[in-house]
PDB file of all heavy atoms in Angstrom:
ATOM      1  N   VAL A   1       5.408 -50.170 -54.374  1.00  0.00           N
ATOM      2  CA  VAL A   1       6.670 -50.729 -54.879  1.00  0.00           C
ATOM      3  C   VAL A   1       6.726 -52.212 -54.616  1.00  0.00           C
ATOM      4  O   VAL A   1       6.178 -52.701 -53.623  1.00  0.00           O
ATOM      5  CB  VAL A   1       7.875 -50.047 -54.182  1.00  0.00           C
ATOM      6  CG1 VAL A   1       7.943 -48.590 -54.578  1.00  0.00           C
ATOM      7  CG2 VAL A   1       7.828 -50.208 -52.672  1.00  0.00           C
ATOM      8  N   THR A   2       7.292 -52.957 -55.526  1.00  0.00           N
ATOM      9  CA  THR A   2       7.433 -54.382 -55.352  1.00  0.00           C
ATOM     10  C   THR A   2       8.451 -54.610 -54.187  1.00  0.00           C
ATOM     11  O   THR A   2       9.503 -54.041 -54.151  1.00  0.00           O
ATOM     12  CB  THR A   2       8.010 -55.050 -56.627  1.00  0.00           C
ATOM     13  OG1 THR A   2       7.116 -54.757 -57.697  1.00  0.00           O
ATOM     14  CG2 THR A   2       8.132 -56.566 -56.432  1.00  0.00           C
ATOM     15  N   SER A   3       7.965 -55.421 -53.219  1.00  0.00           N
ATOM     16  CA  SER A   3       8.796 -55.563 -52.015  1.00  0.00           C
ATOM     17  C   SER A   3       8.368 -56.836 -51.233  1.00  0.00           C
ATOM     18  O   SER A   3       7.182 -57.188 -51.290  1.00  0.00           O
ATOM     19  CB  SER A   3       8.648 -54.329 -51.132  1.00  0.00           C
ATOM     20  OG  SER A   3       9.328 -54.545 -49.848  1.00  0.00           O
ATOM     21  N   THR A   4       9.320 -57.451 -50.562  1.00  0.00           N
ATOM     22  CA  THR A   4       9.001 -58.511 -49.659  1.00  0.00           C
ATOM     23  C   THR A   4       9.281 -58.101 -48.183  1.00  0.00           C
ATOM     24  O   THR A   4       9.301 -58.946 -47.306  1.00  0.00           O
ATOM     25  CB  THR A   4       9.848 -59.763 -49.989  1.00  0.00           C
ATOM     26  OG1 THR A   4      11.219 -59.455 -49.917  1.00  0.00           O
ATOM     27  CG2 THR A   4       9.496 -60.284 -51.353  1.00  0.00           C
ATOM     28  N   ALA A   5       9.542 -56.815 -47.950  1.00  0.00           N
ATOM     29  CA  ALA A   5       9.906 -56.340 -46.626  1.00  0.00           C
ATOM     30  C   ALA A   5       8.662 -56.380 -45.714  1.00  0.00           C
ATOM     31  O   ALA A   5       7.742 -55.579 -45.861  1.00  0.00           O
ATOM     32  CB  ALA A   5      10.455 -54.919 -46.676  1.00  0.00           C
ATOM     33  N   ALA A   6       8.695 -57.271 -44.766  1.00  0.00           N
ATOM     34  CA  ALA A   6       7.508 -57.504 -43.908  1.00  0.00           C
ATOM     35  C   ALA A   6       7.733 -57.044 -42.462  1.00  0.00           C
ATOM     36  O   ALA A   6       6.833 -57.138 -41.636  1.00  0.00           O
ATOM     37  CB  ALA A   6       7.123 -58.956 -43.905  1.00  0.00           C
ATOM     38  N   THR A   7       8.944 -56.505 -42.147  1.00  0.00           N
ATOM     39  CA  THR A   7       9.231 -56.004 -40.843  1.00  0.00           C
ATOM     40  C   THR A   7       9.920 -54.624 -40.977  1.00  0.00           C
ATOM     41  O   THR A   7      10.408 -54.270 -42.057  1.00  0.00           O
ATOM     42  CB  THR A   7      10.161 -56.959 -40.042  1.00  0.00           C
ATOM     43  OG1 THR A   7      11.458 -56.963 -40.677  1.00  0.00           O
ATOM     44  CG2 THR A   7       9.565 -58.370 -39.998  1.00  0.00           C
ATOM     45  N   VAL A   8       9.986 -53.931 -39.861  1.00  0.00           N
ATOM     46  CA  VAL A   8      10.671 -52.624 -39.887  1.00  0.00           C
ATOM     47  C   VAL A   8      12.139 -52.797 -40.248  1.00  0.00           C
ATOM     48  O   VAL A   8      12.701 -52.040 -41.042  1.00  0.00           O
ATOM     49  CB  VAL A   8      10.478 -51.871 -38.576  1.00  0.00           C
ATOM     50  CG1 VAL A   8      11.325 -50.619 -38.497  1.00  0.00           C
ATOM     51  CG2 VAL A   8       9.018 -51.539 -38.302  1.00  0.00           C
ATOM     52  N   ASP A   9      12.790 -53.810 -39.682  1.00  0.00           N
ATOM     53  CA  ASP A   9      14.197 -54.079 -40.008  1.00  0.00           C
ATOM     54  C   ASP A   9      14.395 -54.322 -41.486  1.00  0.00           C
ATOM     55  O   ASP A   9      15.347 -53.830 -42.100  1.00  0.00           O
ATOM     56  CB  ASP A   9      14.715 -55.243 -39.189  1.00  0.00           C
ATOM     57  CG  ASP A   9      14.948 -54.882 -37.721  1.00  0.00           C
ATOM     58  OD1 ASP A   9      15.195 -53.695 -37.425  1.00  0.00           O
ATOM     59  OD2 ASP A   9      14.950 -55.805 -36.881  1.00  0.00           O
ATOM     60  N   GLU A  10      13.497 -55.051 -42.083  1.00  0.00           N
ATOM     61  CA  GLU A  10      13.630 -55.367 -43.503  1.00  0.00           C
ATOM     62  C   GLU A  10      13.355 -54.109 -44.376  1.00  0.00           C
ATOM     63  O   GLU A  10      13.984 -53.915 -45.407  1.00  0.00           O
ATOM     64  CB  GLU A  10      12.648 -56.475 -43.894  1.00  0.00           C
ATOM     65  CG  GLU A  10      13.032 -57.841 -43.360  1.00  0.00           C
ATOM     66  CD  GLU A  10      11.982 -58.891 -43.589  1.00  0.00           C
ATOM     67  OE1 GLU A  10      10.857 -58.560 -44.023  1.00  0.00           O
ATOM     68  OE2 GLU A  10      12.303 -60.090 -43.316  1.00  0.00           O
ATOM     69  N   ILE A  11      12.440 -53.261 -43.927  1.00  0.00           N
ATOM     70  CA  ILE A  11      12.212 -51.990 -44.649  1.00  0.00           C
ATOM     71  C   ILE A  11      13.428 -51.105 -44.559  1.00  0.00           C
ATOM     72  O   ILE A  11      13.856 -50.518 -45.548  1.00  0.00           O
ATOM     73  CB  ILE A  11      10.974 -51.295 -44.036  1.00  0.00           C
ATOM     74  CG1 ILE A  11       9.721 -52.044 -44.394  1.00  0.00           C
ATOM     75  CG2 ILE A  11      10.898 -49.806 -44.517  1.00  0.00           C
ATOM     76  CD1 ILE A  11       8.464 -51.508 -43.688  1.00  0.00           C
ATOM     77  N   ILE A  12      14.085 -51.031 -43.416  1.00  0.00           N
ATOM     78  CA  ILE A  12      15.277 -50.235 -43.245  1.00  0.00           C
ATOM     79  C   ILE A  12      16.385 -50.743 -44.154  1.00  0.00           C
ATOM     80  O   ILE A  12      17.090 -49.924 -44.835  1.00  0.00           O
ATOM     81  CB  ILE A  12      15.715 -50.190 -41.755  1.00  0.00           C
ATOM     82  CG1 ILE A  12      14.743 -49.379 -40.945  1.00  0.00           C
ATOM     83  CG2 ILE A  12      17.148 -49.655 -41.602  1.00  0.00           C
ATOM     84  CD1 ILE A  12      14.963 -49.491 -39.447  1.00  0.00           C
ATOM     85  N   ALA A  13      16.588 -51.997 -44.228  1.00  0.00           N
ATOM     86  CA  ALA A  13      17.593 -52.590 -45.103  1.00  0.00           C
ATOM     87  C   ALA A  13      17.281 -52.285 -46.581  1.00  0.00           C
ATOM     88  O   ALA A  13      18.164 -51.960 -47.383  1.00  0.00           O
ATOM     89  CB  ALA A  13      17.702 -54.073 -44.908  1.00  0.00           C
ATOM     90  N   GLU A  14      16.013 -52.309 -46.943  1.00  0.00           N
ATOM     91  CA  GLU A  14      15.616 -52.020 -48.333  1.00  0.00           C
ATOM     92  C   GLU A  14      15.855 -50.560 -48.665  1.00  0.00           C
ATOM     93  O   GLU A  14      16.399 -50.282 -49.751  1.00  0.00           O
ATOM     94  CB  GLU A  14      14.136 -52.373 -48.484  1.00  0.00           C
ATOM     95  CG  GLU A  14      13.553 -52.200 -49.833  1.00  0.00           C
ATOM     96  CD  GLU A  14      12.066 -52.547 -49.886  1.00  0.00           C
ATOM     97  OE1 GLU A  14      11.800 -53.741 -50.137  1.00  0.00           O
ATOM     98  OE2 GLU A  14      11.241 -51.668 -49.685  1.00  0.00           O
ATOM     99  N   ILE A  15      15.490 -49.686 -47.763  1.00  0.00           N
ATOM    100  CA  ILE A  15      15.653 -48.224 -48.017  1.00  0.00           C
ATOM    101  C   ILE A  15      17.151 -47.869 -48.086  1.00  0.00           C
ATOM    102  O   ILE A  15      17.566 -47.048 -48.918  1.00  0.00           O
ATOM    103  CB  ILE A  15      14.957 -47.412 -46.952  1.00  0.00           C
ATOM    104  CG1 ILE A  15      13.440 -47.578 -47.045  1.00  0.00           C
ATOM    105  CG2 ILE A  15      15.304 -45.905 -47.093  1.00  0.00           C
ATOM    106  CD1 ILE A  15      12.688 -47.022 -45.914  1.00  0.00           C
ATOM    107  N   ALA A  16      17.957 -48.493 -47.263  1.00  0.00           N
ATOM    108  CA  ALA A  16      19.392 -48.184 -47.216  1.00  0.00           C
ATOM    109  C   ALA A  16      20.057 -48.502 -48.536  1.00  0.00           C
ATOM    110  O   ALA A  16      21.056 -47.924 -48.919  1.00  0.00           O
ATOM    111  CB  ALA A  16      20.029 -48.956 -46.069  1.00  0.00           C
ATOM    112  N   ALA A  17      19.458 -49.475 -49.271  1.00  0.00           N
ATOM    113  CA  ALA A  17      20.070 -49.911 -50.526  1.00  0.00           C
ATOM    114  C   ALA A  17      19.493 -49.182 -51.764  1.00  0.00           C
ATOM    115  O   ALA A  17      20.114 -49.240 -52.841  1.00  0.00           O
ATOM    116  CB  ALA A  17      19.861 -51.406 -50.686  1.00  0.00           C
ATOM    117  N   THR A  18      18.395 -48.494 -51.627  1.00  0.00           N
ATOM    118  CA  THR A  18      17.764 -47.884 -52.790  1.00  0.00           C
ATOM    119  C   THR A  18      18.417 -46.551 -53.151  1.00  0.00           C
ATOM    120  O   THR A  18      18.963 -45.861 -52.238  1.00  0.00           O
ATOM    121  CB  THR A  18      16.243 -47.680 -52.532  1.00  0.00           C
ATOM    122  OG1 THR A  18      15.648 -47.259 -53.786  1.00  0.00           O
ATOM    123  CG2 THR A  18      15.986 -46.603 -51.518  1.00  0.00           C
ATOM    124  N   ARG A  19      18.301 -46.143 -54.394  1.00  0.00           N
ATOM    125  CA  ARG A  19      18.851 -44.882 -54.812  1.00  0.00           C
ATOM    126  C   ARG A  19      17.731 -43.991 -55.423  1.00  0.00           C
ATOM    127  O   ARG A  19      18.018 -42.979 -56.071  1.00  0.00           O
ATOM    128  CB  ARG A  19      19.939 -45.107 -55.885  1.00  0.00           C
ATOM    129  CG  ARG A  19      21.146 -45.873 -55.341  1.00  0.00           C
ATOM    130  CD  ARG A  19      22.224 -46.059 -56.414  1.00  0.00           C
ATOM    131  NE  ARG A  19      22.788 -44.791 -56.818  1.00  0.00           N
ATOM    132  CZ  ARG A  19      23.765 -44.130 -56.181  1.00  0.00           C
ATOM    133  NH1 ARG A  19      24.244 -44.665 -55.051  1.00  0.00           N
ATOM    134  NH2 ARG A  19      24.211 -43.036 -56.645  1.00  0.00           N
ATOM    135  N   ILE A  20      16.509 -44.338 -55.179  1.00  0.00           N
ATOM    136  CA  ILE A  20      15.391 -43.592 -55.690  1.00  0.00           C
ATOM    137  C   ILE A  20      14.564 -43.063 -54.507  1.00  0.00           C
ATOM    138  O   ILE A  20      14.274 -43.820 -53.559  1.00  0.00           O
ATOM    139  CB  ILE A  20      14.436 -44.451 -56.572  1.00  0.00           C
ATOM    140  CG1 ILE A  20      15.246 -45.052 -57.740  1.00  0.00           C
ATOM    141  CG2 ILE A  20      13.269 -43.603 -57.098  1.00  0.00           C
ATOM    142  CD1 ILE A  20      14.408 -46.007 -58.594  1.00  0.00           C
ATOM    143  N   THR A  21      14.280 -41.758 -54.494  1.00  0.00           N
ATOM    144  CA  THR A  21      13.497 -41.187 -53.400  1.00  0.00           C
ATOM    145  C   THR A  21      12.093 -41.744 -53.373  1.00  0.00           C
ATOM    146  O   THR A  21      11.579 -42.210 -54.372  1.00  0.00           O
ATOM    147  CB  THR A  21      13.405 -39.637 -53.473  1.00  0.00           C
ATOM    148  OG1 THR A  21      12.637 -39.285 -54.653  1.00  0.00           O
ATOM    149  CG2 THR A  21      14.801 -39.027 -53.550  1.00  0.00           C
ATOM    150  N   GLU A  22      11.442 -41.700 -52.215  1.00  0.00           N
ATOM    151  CA  GLU A  22      10.114 -42.278 -52.093  1.00  0.00           C
ATOM    152  C   GLU A  22       9.110 -41.601 -53.021  1.00  0.00           C
ATOM    153  O   GLU A  22       8.252 -42.274 -53.598  1.00  0.00           O
ATOM    154  CB  GLU A  22       9.653 -42.230 -50.610  1.00  0.00           C
ATOM    155  CG  GLU A  22       9.565 -40.810 -50.072  1.00  0.00           C
ATOM    156  CD  GLU A  22       9.475 -40.812 -48.537  1.00  0.00           C
ATOM    157  OE1 GLU A  22       8.372 -41.003 -48.036  1.00  0.00           O
ATOM    158  OE2 GLU A  22      10.507 -40.607 -47.902  1.00  0.00           O
ATOM    159  N   ARG A  23       9.150 -40.275 -53.091  1.00  0.00           N
ATOM    160  CA  ARG A  23       8.185 -39.577 -53.969  1.00  0.00           C
ATOM    161  C   ARG A  23       8.532 -39.769 -55.433  1.00  0.00           C
ATOM    162  O   ARG A  23       7.675 -39.864 -56.282  1.00  0.00           O
ATOM    163  CB  ARG A  23       8.139 -38.114 -53.579  1.00  0.00           C
ATOM    164  CG  ARG A  23       7.536 -37.831 -52.220  1.00  0.00           C
ATOM    165  CD  ARG A  23       7.290 -36.324 -52.022  1.00  0.00           C
ATOM    166  NE  ARG A  23       6.174 -35.872 -52.833  1.00  0.00           N
ATOM    167  CZ  ARG A  23       4.899 -35.799 -52.467  1.00  0.00           C
ATOM    168  NH1 ARG A  23       4.559 -36.188 -51.244  1.00  0.00           N
ATOM    169  NH2 ARG A  23       3.963 -35.334 -53.270  1.00  0.00           N
ATOM    170  N   GLY A  24       9.856 -39.808 -55.743  1.00  0.00           N
ATOM    171  CA  GLY A  24      10.247 -40.019 -57.097  1.00  0.00           C
ATOM    172  C   GLY A  24       9.782 -41.383 -57.618  1.00  0.00           C
ATOM    173  O   GLY A  24       9.535 -41.512 -58.834  1.00  0.00           O
ATOM    174  N   ALA A  25       9.676 -42.333 -56.767  1.00  0.00           N
ATOM    175  CA  ALA A  25       9.302 -43.682 -57.187  1.00  0.00           C
ATOM    176  C   ALA A  25       7.791 -43.872 -57.220  1.00  0.00           C
ATOM    177  O   ALA A  25       7.336 -44.777 -57.949  1.00  0.00           O
ATOM    178  CB  ALA A  25       9.952 -44.697 -56.251  1.00  0.00           C
ATOM    179  N   THR A  26       7.057 -43.146 -56.414  1.00  0.00           N
ATOM    180  CA  THR A  26       5.668 -43.581 -56.189  1.00  0.00           C
ATOM    181  C   THR A  26       4.593 -42.477 -56.267  1.00  0.00           C
ATOM    182  O   THR A  26       3.439 -42.782 -56.048  1.00  0.00           O
ATOM    183  CB  THR A  26       5.555 -44.195 -54.744  1.00  0.00           C
ATOM    184  OG1 THR A  26       5.884 -43.172 -53.774  1.00  0.00           O
ATOM    185  CG2 THR A  26       6.537 -45.363 -54.572  1.00  0.00           C
ATOM    186  N   ARG A  27       4.977 -41.220 -56.595  1.00  0.00           N
ATOM    187  CA  ARG A  27       3.955 -40.197 -56.637  1.00  0.00           C
ATOM    188  C   ARG A  27       3.780 -39.594 -58.011  1.00  0.00           C
ATOM    189  O   ARG A  27       4.641 -38.901 -58.513  1.00  0.00           O
ATOM    190  CB  ARG A  27       4.300 -39.087 -55.647  1.00  0.00           C
ATOM    191  CG  ARG A  27       4.299 -39.554 -54.181  1.00  0.00           C
ATOM    192  CD  ARG A  27       2.900 -40.042 -53.765  1.00  0.00           C
ATOM    193  NE  ARG A  27       1.939 -38.994 -53.710  1.00  0.00           N
ATOM    194  CZ  ARG A  27       1.630 -38.329 -52.577  1.00  0.00           C
ATOM    195  NH1 ARG A  27       2.247 -38.630 -51.416  1.00  0.00           N
ATOM    196  NH2 ARG A  27       0.735 -37.381 -52.588  1.00  0.00           N
ATOM    197  N   ALA A  28       2.678 -39.879 -58.649  1.00  0.00           N
ATOM    198  CA  ALA A  28       2.380 -39.396 -59.988  1.00  0.00           C
ATOM    199  C   ALA A  28       2.244 -37.878 -60.013  1.00  0.00           C
ATOM    200  O   ALA A  28       2.569 -37.239 -61.024  1.00  0.00           O
ATOM    201  CB  ALA A  28       1.103 -40.060 -60.520  1.00  0.00           C
ATOM    202  N   ASP A  29       1.780 -37.282 -58.910  1.00  0.00           N
ATOM    203  CA  ASP A  29       1.563 -35.809 -58.902  1.00  0.00           C
ATOM    204  C   ASP A  29       2.866 -35.065 -59.048  1.00  0.00           C
ATOM    205  O   ASP A  29       2.874 -33.897 -59.430  1.00  0.00           O
ATOM    206  CB  ASP A  29       0.803 -35.418 -57.643  1.00  0.00           C
ATOM    207  CG  ASP A  29       1.361 -36.000 -56.354  1.00  0.00           C
ATOM    208  OD1 ASP A  29       1.842 -37.172 -56.412  1.00  0.00           O
ATOM    209  OD2 ASP A  29       1.290 -35.389 -55.316  1.00  0.00           O
ATOM    210  N   ASP A  30       3.965 -35.693 -58.671  1.00  0.00           N
ATOM    211  CA  ASP A  30       5.282 -34.994 -58.780  1.00  0.00           C
ATOM    212  C   ASP A  30       5.863 -35.117 -60.208  1.00  0.00           C
ATOM    213  O   ASP A  30       6.902 -34.520 -60.482  1.00  0.00           O
ATOM    214  CB  ASP A  30       6.268 -35.582 -57.773  1.00  0.00           C
ATOM    215  CG  ASP A  30       5.938 -35.217 -56.336  1.00  0.00           C
ATOM    216  OD1 ASP A  30       5.064 -34.327 -56.160  1.00  0.00           O
ATOM    217  OD2 ASP A  30       6.578 -35.766 -55.395  1.00  0.00           O
ATOM    218  N   ARG A  31       5.224 -35.900 -61.053  1.00  0.00           N
ATOM    219  CA  ARG A  31       5.772 -36.127 -62.373  1.00  0.00           C
ATOM    220  C   ARG A  31       5.091 -35.249 -63.425  1.00  0.00           C
ATOM    221  O   ARG A  31       5.460 -35.347 -64.606  1.00  0.00           O
ATOM    222  CB  ARG A  31       5.564 -37.580 -62.784  1.00  0.00           C
ATOM    223  CG  ARG A  31       6.298 -38.586 -61.842  1.00  0.00           C
ATOM    224  CD  ARG A  31       6.104 -39.986 -62.333  1.00  0.00           C
ATOM    225  NE  ARG A  31       6.703 -40.950 -61.471  1.00  0.00           N
ATOM    226  CZ  ARG A  31       6.854 -42.261 -61.734  1.00  0.00           C
ATOM    227  NH1 ARG A  31       6.340 -42.733 -62.883  1.00  0.00           N
ATOM    228  NH2 ARG A  31       7.461 -43.084 -60.892  1.00  0.00           N
ATOM    229  N   ALA A  32       4.160 -34.430 -63.012  1.00  0.00           N
ATOM    230  CA  ALA A  32       3.418 -33.587 -63.964  1.00  0.00           C
ATOM    231  C   ALA A  32       4.365 -32.647 -64.724  1.00  0.00           C
ATOM    232  O   ALA A  32       4.201 -32.376 -65.900  1.00  0.00           O
ATOM    233  CB  ALA A  32       2.342 -32.789 -63.258  1.00  0.00           C
ATOM    234  N   SER A  33       5.371 -32.133 -64.015  1.00  0.00           N
ATOM    235  CA  SER A  33       6.378 -31.261 -64.639  1.00  0.00           C
ATOM    236  C   SER A  33       7.565 -31.260 -63.765  1.00  0.00           C
ATOM    237  O   SER A  33       7.552 -31.728 -62.631  1.00  0.00           O
ATOM    238  CB  SER A  33       5.832 -29.851 -64.837  1.00  0.00           C
ATOM    239  OG  SER A  33       5.744 -29.172 -63.608  1.00  0.00           O
ATOM    240  N   GLU A  34       8.671 -30.647 -64.225  1.00  0.00           N
ATOM    241  CA  GLU A  34       9.907 -30.597 -63.462  1.00  0.00           C
ATOM    242  C   GLU A  34       9.699 -29.772 -62.216  1.00  0.00           C
ATOM    243  O   GLU A  34      10.380 -30.033 -61.185  1.00  0.00           O
ATOM    244  CB  GLU A  34      11.017 -29.918 -64.339  1.00  0.00           C
ATOM    245  CG  GLU A  34      12.411 -29.964 -63.744  1.00  0.00           C
ATOM    246  CD  GLU A  34      12.995 -31.365 -63.754  1.00  0.00           C
ATOM    247  OE1 GLU A  34      12.462 -32.243 -64.429  1.00  0.00           O
ATOM    248  OE2 GLU A  34      14.014 -31.543 -63.061  1.00  0.00           O
ATOM    249  N   ALA A  35       8.815 -28.800 -62.244  1.00  0.00           N
ATOM    250  CA  ALA A  35       8.589 -27.942 -61.092  1.00  0.00           C
ATOM    251  C   ALA A  35       7.218 -28.149 -60.467  1.00  0.00           C
ATOM    252  O   ALA A  35       6.664 -27.264 -59.845  1.00  0.00           O
ATOM    253  CB  ALA A  35       8.754 -26.479 -61.484  1.00  0.00           C
TER     254      ALA A  35
END
């Protein structure tokens, strides 16, 4: 994911603001089908 978060605190702030799950945003294997 495009990001400038270089510390744990910055990562926490980034995640708190996002509305997309980590797998939904970054895992192609979960996109093969709805199930």
